[in-house]
Amino acid sequence: MLRGSEIREAALLMIRRRGKNAAVFATQRALGLLVQDEPGAASIWRHVANEIARIRAEEHDEYAAALALFDPASDLKVV
């Protein structure tokens, strides 16, 4: 079994290669491996898909936090 850091590295690589489709690709790969009777490999791909979702959630949280800092009612004016 792969370590957590290796799963995260694989997830980041999938995001770089597949972009928004990374989680879908990883899930399809896991399902394909199950059909091929490769449960160990399928499990790894499920972990990768879950890590991709976790990374995307972290990115979303960071974006939301940045937006929360912006107060359109503040007295900042564009000149």
N, C-alpha and C. Protein backbone atom coordinates (compact mmCIF):
# COMPACT_ATOMS: atom_id res chain seq x y z
N MET A 1 0.84 -1.19 0.00
CA MET A 1 0.00 0.00 0.00
C MET A 1 0.88 1.24 0.00
N LEU A 2 0.42 2.24 -0.68
CA LEU A 2 1.17 3.49 -0.77
C LEU A 2 0.97 4.32 0.50
N ARG A 3 1.97 5.13 0.82
CA ARG A 3 1.87 6.06 1.95
C ARG A 3 0.98 7.23 1.55
N GLY A 4 0.50 7.95 2.55
CA GLY A 4 -0.35 9.11 2.31
C GLY A 4 0.32 10.16 1.43
N SER A 5 1.62 10.36 1.63
CA SER A 5 2.33 11.36 0.83
C SER A 5 2.40 10.93 -0.64
N GLU A 6 2.50 9.64 -0.87
CA GLU A 6 2.55 9.14 -2.25
C GLU A 6 1.18 9.27 -2.92
N ILE A 7 0.13 9.04 -2.16
CA ILE A 7 -1.23 9.22 -2.69
C ILE A 7 -1.43 10.69 -3.04
N ARG A 8 -0.98 11.58 -2.15
CA ARG A 8 -1.14 13.03 -2.42
C ARG A 8 -0.35 13.44 -3.66
N GLU A 9 0.86 12.95 -3.80
CA GLU A 9 1.66 13.25 -4.99
C GLU A 9 0.97 12.77 -6.25
N ALA A 10 0.40 11.57 -6.21
CA ALA A 10 -0.32 11.04 -7.37
C ALA A 10 -1.55 11.90 -7.67
N ALA A 11 -2.25 12.34 -6.64
CA ALA A 11 -3.43 13.19 -6.83
C ALA A 11 -3.04 14.52 -7.45
N LEU A 12 -1.96 15.12 -6.97
CA LEU A 12 -1.51 16.40 -7.53
C LEU A 12 -1.08 16.24 -8.99
N LEU A 13 -0.43 15.13 -9.29
CA LEU A 13 -0.04 14.86 -10.67
C LEU A 13 -1.27 14.70 -11.56
N MET A 14 -2.28 14.01 -11.07
CA MET A 14 -3.51 13.84 -11.84
C MET A 14 -4.19 15.18 -12.08
N ILE A 15 -4.19 16.04 -11.09
CA ILE A 15 -4.79 17.38 -11.24
C ILE A 15 -4.03 18.16 -12.31
N ARG A 16 -2.70 18.09 -12.28
CA ARG A 16 -1.91 18.80 -13.30
C ARG A 16 -2.17 18.24 -14.69
N ARG A 17 -2.29 16.93 -14.80
CA ARG A 17 -2.48 16.30 -16.12
C ARG A 17 -3.90 16.38 -16.63
N ARG A 18 -4.88 16.20 -15.75
CA ARG A 18 -6.28 16.08 -16.17
C ARG A 18 -7.15 17.26 -15.80
N GLY A 19 -6.61 18.18 -14.99
CA GLY A 19 -7.38 19.37 -14.61
C GLY A 19 -8.67 19.03 -13.90
N LYS A 20 -9.76 19.65 -14.35
CA LYS A 20 -11.06 19.45 -13.71
C LYS A 20 -11.56 18.02 -13.81
N ASN A 21 -11.03 17.25 -14.74
CA ASN A 21 -11.47 15.87 -14.93
C ASN A 21 -10.67 14.86 -14.13
N ALA A 22 -9.79 15.32 -13.27
CA ALA A 22 -8.89 14.42 -12.54
C ALA A 22 -9.64 13.40 -11.69
N ALA A 23 -10.61 13.86 -10.91
CA ALA A 23 -11.34 12.94 -10.03
C ALA A 23 -12.16 11.94 -10.84
N VAL A 24 -12.75 12.40 -11.91
CA VAL A 24 -13.54 11.51 -12.77
C VAL A 24 -12.64 10.45 -13.37
N PHE A 25 -11.49 10.86 -13.88
CA PHE A 25 -10.56 9.90 -14.47
C PHE A 25 -10.11 8.87 -13.44
N ALA A 26 -9.75 9.32 -12.24
CA ALA A 26 -9.29 8.39 -11.21
C ALA A 26 -10.39 7.41 -10.81
N THR A 27 -11.62 7.90 -10.71
CA THR A 27 -12.74 7.03 -10.37
C THR A 27 -13.00 6.01 -11.48
N GLN A 28 -12.96 6.45 -12.73
CA GLN A 28 -13.14 5.53 -13.86
C GLN A 28 -12.05 4.48 -13.88
N ARG A 29 -10.84 4.90 -13.57
CA ARG A 29 -9.72 3.95 -13.54
C ARG A 29 -9.94 2.91 -12.45
N ALA A 30 -10.40 3.35 -11.29
CA ALA A 30 -10.68 2.42 -10.19
C ALA A 30 -11.76 1.42 -10.59
N LEU A 31 -12.82 1.91 -11.21
CA LEU A 31 -13.90 1.01 -11.64
C LEU A 31 -13.42 0.03 -12.69
N GLY A 32 -12.62 0.51 -13.63
CA GLY A 32 -12.07 -0.37 -14.65
C GLY A 32 -11.21 -1.47 -14.06
N LEU A 33 -10.44 -1.13 -13.06
CA LEU A 33 -9.59 -2.13 -12.40
C LEU A 33 -10.41 -3.15 -11.62
N LEU A 34 -11.53 -2.71 -11.06
CA LEU A 34 -12.41 -3.66 -10.38
C LEU A 34 -12.98 -4.66 -11.37
N VAL A 35 -13.39 -4.17 -12.53
CA VAL A 35 -13.91 -5.04 -13.58
C VAL A 35 -12.84 -6.05 -14.01
N GLN A 36 -11.59 -5.61 -14.02
CA GLN A 36 -10.48 -6.49 -14.42
C GLN A 36 -10.01 -7.38 -13.26
N ASP A 37 -10.75 -7.35 -12.16
CA ASP A 37 -10.43 -8.16 -10.97
C ASP A 37 -9.05 -7.82 -10.40
N GLU A 38 -8.82 -6.50 -10.25
CA GLU A 38 -7.59 -5.98 -9.64
C GLU A 38 -7.98 -5.10 -8.45
N PRO A 39 -8.48 -5.71 -7.38
CA PRO A 39 -8.98 -4.90 -6.27
C PRO A 39 -7.92 -4.06 -5.55
N GLY A 40 -6.70 -4.54 -5.49
CA GLY A 40 -5.64 -3.77 -4.85
C GLY A 40 -5.33 -2.49 -5.59
N ALA A 41 -5.19 -2.59 -6.91
CA ALA A 41 -4.93 -1.41 -7.74
C ALA A 41 -6.13 -0.48 -7.72
N ALA A 42 -7.34 -1.05 -7.74
CA ALA A 42 -8.55 -0.23 -7.69
C ALA A 42 -8.62 0.56 -6.40
N SER A 43 -8.20 -0.05 -5.31
CA SER A 43 -8.20 0.62 -4.01
C SER A 43 -7.27 1.84 -4.03
N ILE A 44 -6.12 1.69 -4.64
CA ILE A 44 -5.18 2.81 -4.75
C ILE A 44 -5.81 3.96 -5.52
N TRP A 45 -6.46 3.64 -6.64
CA TRP A 45 -7.09 4.68 -7.44
C TRP A 45 -8.26 5.33 -6.70
N ARG A 46 -8.97 4.57 -5.87
CA ARG A 46 -10.03 5.17 -5.05
C ARG A 46 -9.43 6.15 -4.05
N HIS A 47 -8.29 5.78 -3.47
CA HIS A 47 -7.62 6.69 -2.54
C HIS A 47 -7.16 7.96 -3.27
N VAL A 48 -6.66 7.80 -4.48
CA VAL A 48 -6.23 8.96 -5.28
C VAL A 48 -7.44 9.86 -5.57
N ALA A 49 -8.55 9.27 -5.97
CA ALA A 49 -9.77 10.05 -6.25
C ALA A 49 -10.23 10.81 -5.00
N ASN A 50 -10.19 10.15 -3.85
CA ASN A 50 -10.58 10.82 -2.60
C ASN A 50 -9.63 11.96 -2.26
N GLU A 51 -8.34 11.76 -2.51
CA GLU A 51 -7.36 12.82 -2.23
C GLU A 51 -7.56 14.00 -3.17
N ILE A 52 -7.90 13.72 -4.42
CA ILE A 52 -8.19 14.80 -5.37
C ILE A 52 -9.35 15.63 -4.84
N ALA A 53 -10.39 14.97 -4.36
CA ALA A 53 -11.55 15.69 -3.80
C ALA A 53 -11.14 16.52 -2.59
N ARG A 54 -10.26 15.96 -1.74
CA ARG A 54 -9.80 16.69 -0.56
C ARG A 54 -8.99 17.93 -0.97
N ILE A 55 -8.14 17.80 -1.98
CA ILE A 55 -7.33 18.93 -2.45
C ILE A 55 -8.24 20.01 -3.03
N ARG A 56 -9.22 19.59 -3.82
CA ARG A 56 -10.17 20.56 -4.39
C ARG A 56 -10.94 21.29 -3.29
N ALA A 57 -11.31 20.59 -2.23
CA ALA A 57 -12.02 21.22 -1.11
C ALA A 57 -11.11 22.23 -0.42
N GLU A 58 -9.84 21.90 -0.25
CA GLU A 58 -8.89 22.83 0.35
C GLU A 58 -8.76 24.08 -0.51
N GLU A 59 -8.68 23.90 -1.83
CA GLU A 59 -8.58 25.05 -2.73
C GLU A 59 -9.83 25.92 -2.61
N HIS A 60 -10.99 25.28 -2.52
CA HIS A 60 -12.25 26.01 -2.39
C HIS A 60 -12.27 26.81 -1.09
N ASP A 61 -11.83 26.19 0.00
CA ASP A 61 -11.80 26.87 1.30
C ASP A 61 -10.88 28.08 1.28
N GLU A 62 -9.71 27.95 0.63
CA GLU A 62 -8.78 29.07 0.53
C GLU A 62 -9.38 30.21 -0.28
N TYR A 63 -10.06 29.87 -1.37
CA TYR A 63 -10.71 30.88 -2.21
C TYR A 63 -11.81 31.60 -1.42
N ALA A 64 -12.62 30.82 -0.70
CA ALA A 64 -13.70 31.41 0.09
C ALA A 64 -13.14 32.32 1.18
N ALA A 65 -12.04 31.91 1.79
CA ALA A 65 -11.43 32.74 2.83
C ALA A 65 -10.92 34.05 2.24
N ALA A 66 -10.34 33.99 1.06
CA ALA A 66 -9.85 35.21 0.41
C ALA A 66 -11.01 36.14 0.08
N LEU A 67 -12.12 35.59 -0.38
CA LEU A 67 -13.28 36.42 -0.68
C LEU A 67 -13.86 37.06 0.58
N ALA A 68 -13.80 36.35 1.69
CA ALA A 68 -14.34 36.87 2.94
C ALA A 68 -13.57 38.10 3.40
N LEU A 69 -12.32 38.23 2.99
CA LEU A 69 -11.52 39.39 3.37
C LEU A 69 -11.92 40.64 2.60
N PHE A 70 -12.58 40.46 1.46
CA PHE A 70 -12.99 41.58 0.63
C PHE A 70 -14.35 42.09 1.10
N ASP A 71 -14.38 43.34 1.50
CA ASP A 71 -15.64 43.96 1.95
C ASP A 71 -15.99 45.07 0.97
N PRO A 72 -16.95 44.83 0.09
CA PRO A 72 -17.30 45.85 -0.91
C PRO A 72 -17.87 47.12 -0.29
N ALA A 73 -18.29 47.05 0.97
CA ALA A 73 -18.84 48.23 1.63
C ALA A 73 -17.75 49.10 2.27
N SER A 74 -16.50 48.65 2.17
CA SER A 74 -15.42 49.42 2.79
C SER A 74 -15.26 50.75 2.06
N ASP A 75 -14.49 51.63 2.66
CA ASP A 75 -14.31 52.95 2.08
C ASP A 75 -13.16 53.01 1.08
N LEU A 76 -12.73 51.86 0.57
CA LEU A 76 -11.70 51.85 -0.48
C LEU A 76 -12.33 52.34 -1.77
N LYS A 77 -11.67 53.25 -2.44
CA LYS A 77 -12.20 53.78 -3.68
C LYS A 77 -11.15 53.64 -4.77
N VAL A 78 -11.60 53.26 -5.95
CA VAL A 78 -10.71 53.20 -7.10
C VAL A 78 -10.65 54.57 -7.71
N VAL A 79 -9.43 55.07 -7.89
CA VAL A 79 -9.26 56.43 -8.43
C VAL A 79 -8.75 56.35 -9.84
